[in-house]
Amino acid sequence: MLLGERIPADKALTWGLVNDVVPAADLQAHAEGLAARLAAGPPTSQAAIKRMMGATFGEELAAAFEAEAVAQQVQADGAEFVEGAMAFLQKRTPNFRDI
């Protein structure tokens, strides 16, 4: 970062700096697919994950783990957990929008 050198996509993927590498021609469809997957996910849980990422950045590991444990317990007591678990047991796609 200090030198401003470009990192080839394959190296960025290997280093874990990016999640996916796709050809430019496939980028729009890939991004739309990812957006659809995110939109179908559990919104309360996703919001909690985003809060945790911001709140625990730079914290000691033990404090971050404690905060995560609390957040997981809150989510485990919610309707999204029930829907996700039932969908898994019933071998169907969860529907988090009608909760």
N, C-alpha and C. Protein backbone atom coordinates (compact mmCIF):
# COMPACT_ATOMS: atom_id res chain seq x y z
N MET A 1 0.83 -1.18 0.00
CA MET A 1 0.00 0.00 0.00
C MET A 1 0.87 1.25 0.00
N LEU A 2 1.99 1.20 0.67
CA LEU A 2 2.84 2.38 0.75
C LEU A 2 3.49 2.70 -0.58
N LEU A 3 3.76 1.67 -1.38
CA LEU A 3 4.40 1.89 -2.66
C LEU A 3 3.40 2.11 -3.79
N GLY A 4 2.15 1.82 -3.57
CA GLY A 4 1.15 2.00 -4.60
C GLY A 4 1.27 1.03 -5.75
N GLU A 5 1.89 -0.11 -5.51
CA GLU A 5 2.06 -1.09 -6.58
C GLU A 5 0.77 -1.84 -6.83
N ARG A 6 0.51 -2.13 -8.08
CA ARG A 6 -0.68 -2.89 -8.45
C ARG A 6 -0.44 -4.36 -8.13
N ILE A 7 -1.47 -5.02 -7.69
CA ILE A 7 -1.40 -6.45 -7.38
C ILE A 7 -2.27 -7.17 -8.40
N PRO A 8 -1.72 -8.12 -9.13
CA PRO A 8 -2.53 -8.87 -10.09
C PRO A 8 -3.69 -9.59 -9.38
N ALA A 9 -4.80 -9.75 -10.09
CA ALA A 9 -6.00 -10.33 -9.51
C ALA A 9 -5.75 -11.72 -8.94
N ASP A 10 -5.00 -12.55 -9.64
CA ASP A 10 -4.76 -13.90 -9.14
C ASP A 10 -3.96 -13.89 -7.84
N LYS A 11 -3.03 -12.96 -7.70
CA LYS A 11 -2.26 -12.85 -6.48
C LYS A 11 -3.13 -12.31 -5.35
N ALA A 12 -3.98 -11.33 -5.64
CA ALA A 12 -4.88 -10.79 -4.63
C ALA A 12 -5.81 -11.88 -4.11
N LEU A 13 -6.26 -12.77 -4.99
CA LEU A 13 -7.12 -13.88 -4.59
C LEU A 13 -6.34 -14.85 -3.70
N THR A 14 -5.13 -15.19 -4.10
CA THR A 14 -4.29 -16.09 -3.33
C THR A 14 -3.99 -15.52 -1.95
N TRP A 15 -3.76 -14.24 -1.87
CA TRP A 15 -3.44 -13.58 -0.59
C TRP A 15 -4.68 -13.36 0.27
N GLY A 16 -5.87 -13.60 -0.28
CA GLY A 16 -7.09 -13.40 0.49
C GLY A 16 -7.54 -11.95 0.55
N LEU A 17 -7.05 -11.12 -0.36
CA LEU A 17 -7.45 -9.71 -0.39
C LEU A 17 -8.80 -9.51 -1.08
N VAL A 18 -9.19 -10.46 -1.91
CA VAL A 18 -10.48 -10.41 -2.60
C VAL A 18 -11.15 -11.77 -2.46
N ASN A 19 -12.47 -11.81 -2.60
CA ASN A 19 -13.21 -13.06 -2.49
C ASN A 19 -13.33 -13.78 -3.81
N ASP A 20 -13.44 -13.04 -4.89
CA ASP A 20 -13.65 -13.63 -6.21
C ASP A 20 -12.87 -12.85 -7.25
N VAL A 21 -12.52 -13.53 -8.32
CA VAL A 21 -11.96 -12.91 -9.51
C VAL A 21 -12.75 -13.44 -10.69
N VAL A 22 -13.33 -12.53 -11.47
CA VAL A 22 -14.13 -12.93 -12.62
C VAL A 22 -13.70 -12.13 -13.84
N PRO A 23 -13.92 -12.67 -15.02
CA PRO A 23 -13.62 -11.90 -16.22
C PRO A 23 -14.49 -10.63 -16.28
N ALA A 24 -13.96 -9.59 -16.86
CA ALA A 24 -14.69 -8.32 -16.94
C ALA A 24 -16.06 -8.48 -17.56
N ALA A 25 -16.17 -9.34 -18.55
CA ALA A 25 -17.46 -9.55 -19.22
C ALA A 25 -18.51 -10.16 -18.29
N ASP A 26 -18.07 -10.86 -17.25
CA ASP A 26 -18.98 -11.51 -16.31
C ASP A 26 -19.22 -10.71 -15.04
N LEU A 27 -18.56 -9.56 -14.92
CA LEU A 27 -18.59 -8.82 -13.66
C LEU A 27 -19.99 -8.39 -13.26
N GLN A 28 -20.77 -7.83 -14.17
CA GLN A 28 -22.11 -7.35 -13.84
C GLN A 28 -23.00 -8.48 -13.35
N ALA A 29 -23.01 -9.58 -14.06
CA ALA A 29 -23.84 -10.72 -13.67
C ALA A 29 -23.37 -11.29 -12.33
N HIS A 30 -22.08 -11.35 -12.13
CA HIS A 30 -21.54 -11.86 -10.87
C HIS A 30 -21.93 -10.96 -9.71
N ALA A 31 -21.81 -9.64 -9.91
CA ALA A 31 -22.18 -8.68 -8.86
C ALA A 31 -23.67 -8.76 -8.55
N GLU A 32 -24.49 -8.89 -9.58
CA GLU A 32 -25.94 -9.00 -9.36
C GLU A 32 -26.29 -10.28 -8.62
N GLY A 33 -25.59 -11.37 -8.93
CA GLY A 33 -25.82 -12.62 -8.22
C GLY A 33 -25.44 -12.52 -6.75
N LEU A 34 -24.32 -11.87 -6.48
CA LEU A 34 -23.90 -11.67 -5.10
C LEU A 34 -24.90 -10.78 -4.36
N ALA A 35 -25.35 -9.72 -5.02
CA ALA A 35 -26.34 -8.82 -4.41
C ALA A 35 -27.64 -9.57 -4.11
N ALA A 36 -28.06 -10.46 -5.00
CA ALA A 36 -29.28 -11.23 -4.78
C ALA A 36 -29.11 -12.18 -3.59
N ARG A 37 -27.94 -12.79 -3.49
CA ARG A 37 -27.68 -13.67 -2.34
C ARG A 37 -27.73 -12.89 -1.04
N LEU A 38 -27.12 -11.72 -1.02
CA LEU A 38 -27.14 -10.89 0.19
C LEU A 38 -28.55 -10.44 0.52
N ALA A 39 -29.31 -10.05 -0.49
CA ALA A 39 -30.68 -9.58 -0.28
C ALA A 39 -31.58 -10.68 0.26
N ALA A 40 -31.28 -11.93 -0.07
CA ALA A 40 -32.08 -13.06 0.40
C ALA A 40 -31.70 -13.50 1.81
N GLY A 41 -30.63 -12.94 2.33
CA GLY A 41 -30.14 -13.34 3.65
C GLY A 41 -30.93 -12.72 4.79
N PRO A 42 -30.59 -13.12 6.00
CA PRO A 42 -31.30 -12.62 7.20
C PRO A 42 -30.87 -11.20 7.54
N PRO A 43 -31.71 -10.21 7.35
CA PRO A 43 -31.30 -8.82 7.50
C PRO A 43 -30.85 -8.44 8.91
N THR A 44 -31.51 -8.95 9.92
CA THR A 44 -31.12 -8.61 11.29
C THR A 44 -29.75 -9.18 11.61
N SER A 45 -29.51 -10.41 11.20
CA SER A 45 -28.21 -11.03 11.43
C SER A 45 -27.12 -10.33 10.64
N GLN A 46 -27.42 -9.95 9.40
CA GLN A 46 -26.42 -9.24 8.60
C GLN A 46 -26.09 -7.89 9.23
N ALA A 47 -27.08 -7.21 9.76
CA ALA A 47 -26.84 -5.93 10.43
C ALA A 47 -25.97 -6.12 11.66
N ALA A 48 -26.22 -7.20 12.40
CA ALA A 48 -25.41 -7.49 13.59
C ALA A 48 -23.96 -7.76 13.21
N ILE A 49 -23.75 -8.49 12.13
CA ILE A 49 -22.40 -8.77 11.66
C ILE A 49 -21.69 -7.46 11.30
N LYS A 50 -22.37 -6.59 10.60
CA LYS A 50 -21.76 -5.31 10.22
C LYS A 50 -21.42 -4.47 11.46
N ARG A 51 -22.33 -4.46 12.44
CA ARG A 51 -22.05 -3.72 13.69
C ARG A 51 -20.83 -4.29 14.39
N MET A 52 -20.76 -5.62 14.47
CA MET A 52 -19.65 -6.28 15.14
C MET A 52 -18.33 -5.98 14.46
N MET A 53 -18.33 -5.96 13.15
CA MET A 53 -17.09 -5.67 12.42
C MET A 53 -16.58 -4.27 12.77
N GLY A 54 -17.48 -3.32 12.86
CA GLY A 54 -17.07 -1.96 13.20
C GLY A 54 -16.73 -1.80 14.67
N ALA A 55 -17.50 -2.44 15.54
CA ALA A 55 -17.32 -2.24 16.97
C ALA A 55 -16.09 -2.94 17.52
N THR A 56 -15.68 -4.05 16.92
CA THR A 56 -14.57 -4.81 17.49
C THR A 56 -13.26 -4.61 16.75
N PHE A 57 -13.26 -3.80 15.71
CA PHE A 57 -12.02 -3.56 14.97
C PHE A 57 -10.99 -2.91 15.90
N GLY A 58 -9.85 -3.52 16.03
CA GLY A 58 -8.80 -2.99 16.88
C GLY A 58 -8.91 -3.39 18.34
N GLU A 59 -9.95 -4.13 18.69
CA GLU A 59 -10.13 -4.58 20.07
C GLU A 59 -9.22 -5.78 20.35
N GLU A 60 -8.99 -6.04 21.61
CA GLU A 60 -8.29 -7.26 22.01
C GLU A 60 -9.13 -8.46 21.58
N LEU A 61 -8.48 -9.54 21.25
CA LEU A 61 -9.17 -10.72 20.74
C LEU A 61 -10.21 -11.24 21.73
N ALA A 62 -9.88 -11.28 23.00
CA ALA A 62 -10.81 -11.79 24.01
C ALA A 62 -12.08 -10.94 24.06
N ALA A 63 -11.93 -9.62 23.97
CA ALA A 63 -13.09 -8.72 23.99
C ALA A 63 -13.94 -8.92 22.73
N ALA A 64 -13.29 -9.12 21.60
CA ALA A 64 -14.03 -9.34 20.36
C ALA A 64 -14.80 -10.66 20.43
N PHE A 65 -14.18 -11.70 20.98
CA PHE A 65 -14.87 -12.99 21.12
C PHE A 65 -16.06 -12.87 22.06
N GLU A 66 -15.90 -12.12 23.14
CA GLU A 66 -17.00 -11.94 24.09
C GLU A 66 -18.17 -11.21 23.42
N ALA A 67 -17.86 -10.16 22.68
CA ALA A 67 -18.91 -9.42 21.97
C ALA A 67 -19.60 -10.30 20.95
N GLU A 68 -18.83 -11.14 20.27
CA GLU A 68 -19.43 -12.05 19.29
C GLU A 68 -20.35 -13.06 19.97
N ALA A 69 -19.93 -13.58 21.11
CA ALA A 69 -20.76 -14.55 21.84
C ALA A 69 -22.08 -13.93 22.24
N VAL A 70 -22.05 -12.70 22.71
CA VAL A 70 -23.29 -12.00 23.09
C VAL A 70 -24.18 -11.81 21.87
N ALA A 71 -23.59 -11.35 20.77
CA ALA A 71 -24.37 -11.12 19.55
C ALA A 71 -24.98 -12.42 19.02
N GLN A 72 -24.22 -13.50 19.09
CA GLN A 72 -24.76 -14.78 18.62
C GLN A 72 -25.93 -15.25 19.49
N GLN A 73 -25.84 -15.03 20.78
CA GLN A 73 -26.94 -15.43 21.66
C GLN A 73 -28.20 -14.62 21.34
N VAL A 74 -28.03 -13.33 21.10
CA VAL A 74 -29.18 -12.49 20.73
C VAL A 74 -29.81 -13.02 19.45
N GLN A 75 -29.00 -13.32 18.46
CA GLN A 75 -29.51 -13.81 17.18
C GLN A 75 -30.15 -15.20 17.34
N ALA A 76 -29.58 -16.04 18.21
CA ALA A 76 -30.11 -17.40 18.40
C ALA A 76 -31.49 -17.37 19.03
N ASP A 77 -31.83 -16.29 19.68
CA ASP A 77 -33.15 -16.16 20.30
C ASP A 77 -34.18 -15.54 19.36
N GLY A 78 -33.79 -15.27 18.11
CA GLY A 78 -34.67 -14.54 17.20
C GLY A 78 -35.34 -15.40 16.15
N ALA A 79 -36.26 -14.78 15.45
CA ALA A 79 -37.05 -15.46 14.42
C ALA A 79 -36.21 -15.90 13.23
N GLU A 80 -35.15 -15.15 12.91
CA GLU A 80 -34.30 -15.54 11.78
C GLU A 80 -33.62 -16.88 12.04
N PHE A 81 -33.19 -17.10 13.27
CA PHE A 81 -32.57 -18.37 13.60
C PHE A 81 -33.57 -19.51 13.43
N VAL A 82 -34.76 -19.32 13.93
CA VAL A 82 -35.80 -20.35 13.82
C VAL A 82 -36.08 -20.65 12.35
N GLU A 83 -36.25 -19.60 11.54
CA GLU A 83 -36.52 -19.81 10.11
C GLU A 83 -35.37 -20.53 9.44
N GLY A 84 -34.14 -20.11 9.73
CA GLY A 84 -32.98 -20.77 9.13
C GLY A 84 -32.87 -22.23 9.52
N ALA A 85 -33.08 -22.52 10.79
CA ALA A 85 -33.01 -23.90 11.26
C ALA A 85 -34.13 -24.76 10.66
N MET A 86 -35.34 -24.21 10.62
CA MET A 86 -36.45 -24.96 10.04
C MET A 86 -36.24 -25.21 8.55
N ALA A 87 -35.74 -24.21 7.85
CA ALA A 87 -35.47 -24.38 6.43
C ALA A 87 -34.42 -25.46 6.21
N PHE A 88 -33.40 -25.47 7.04
CA PHE A 88 -32.37 -26.50 6.94
C PHE A 88 -32.98 -27.89 7.16
N LEU A 89 -33.75 -28.04 8.22
CA LEU A 89 -34.35 -29.34 8.53
C LEU A 89 -35.34 -29.79 7.47
N GLN A 90 -36.05 -28.82 6.87
CA GLN A 90 -37.04 -29.14 5.85
C GLN A 90 -36.43 -29.16 4.44
N LYS A 91 -35.12 -28.94 4.37
CA LYS A 91 -34.38 -28.96 3.10
C LYS A 91 -34.98 -27.99 2.07
N ARG A 92 -35.20 -26.75 2.54
CA ARG A 92 -35.74 -25.72 1.66
C ARG A 92 -34.93 -24.43 1.85
N THR A 93 -35.14 -23.51 0.96
CA THR A 93 -34.48 -22.22 1.05
C THR A 93 -35.18 -21.38 2.12
N PRO A 94 -34.43 -20.77 3.03
CA PRO A 94 -35.09 -19.96 4.05
C PRO A 94 -35.72 -18.70 3.44
N ASN A 95 -36.81 -18.27 4.05
CA ASN A 95 -37.48 -17.05 3.62
C ASN A 95 -37.45 -16.07 4.79
N PHE A 96 -36.48 -15.17 4.76
CA PHE A 96 -36.32 -14.21 5.84
C PHE A 96 -37.16 -12.96 5.65
N ARG A 97 -37.79 -12.81 4.51
CA ARG A 97 -38.56 -11.60 4.20
C ARG A 97 -39.94 -11.60 4.85
N ASP A 98 -40.49 -12.76 5.14
CA ASP A 98 -41.85 -12.83 5.70
C ASP A 98 -41.86 -12.97 7.22
N ILE A 99 -40.72 -12.73 7.84
CA ILE A 99 -40.62 -12.87 9.30
C ILE A 99 -41.16 -11.62 9.96
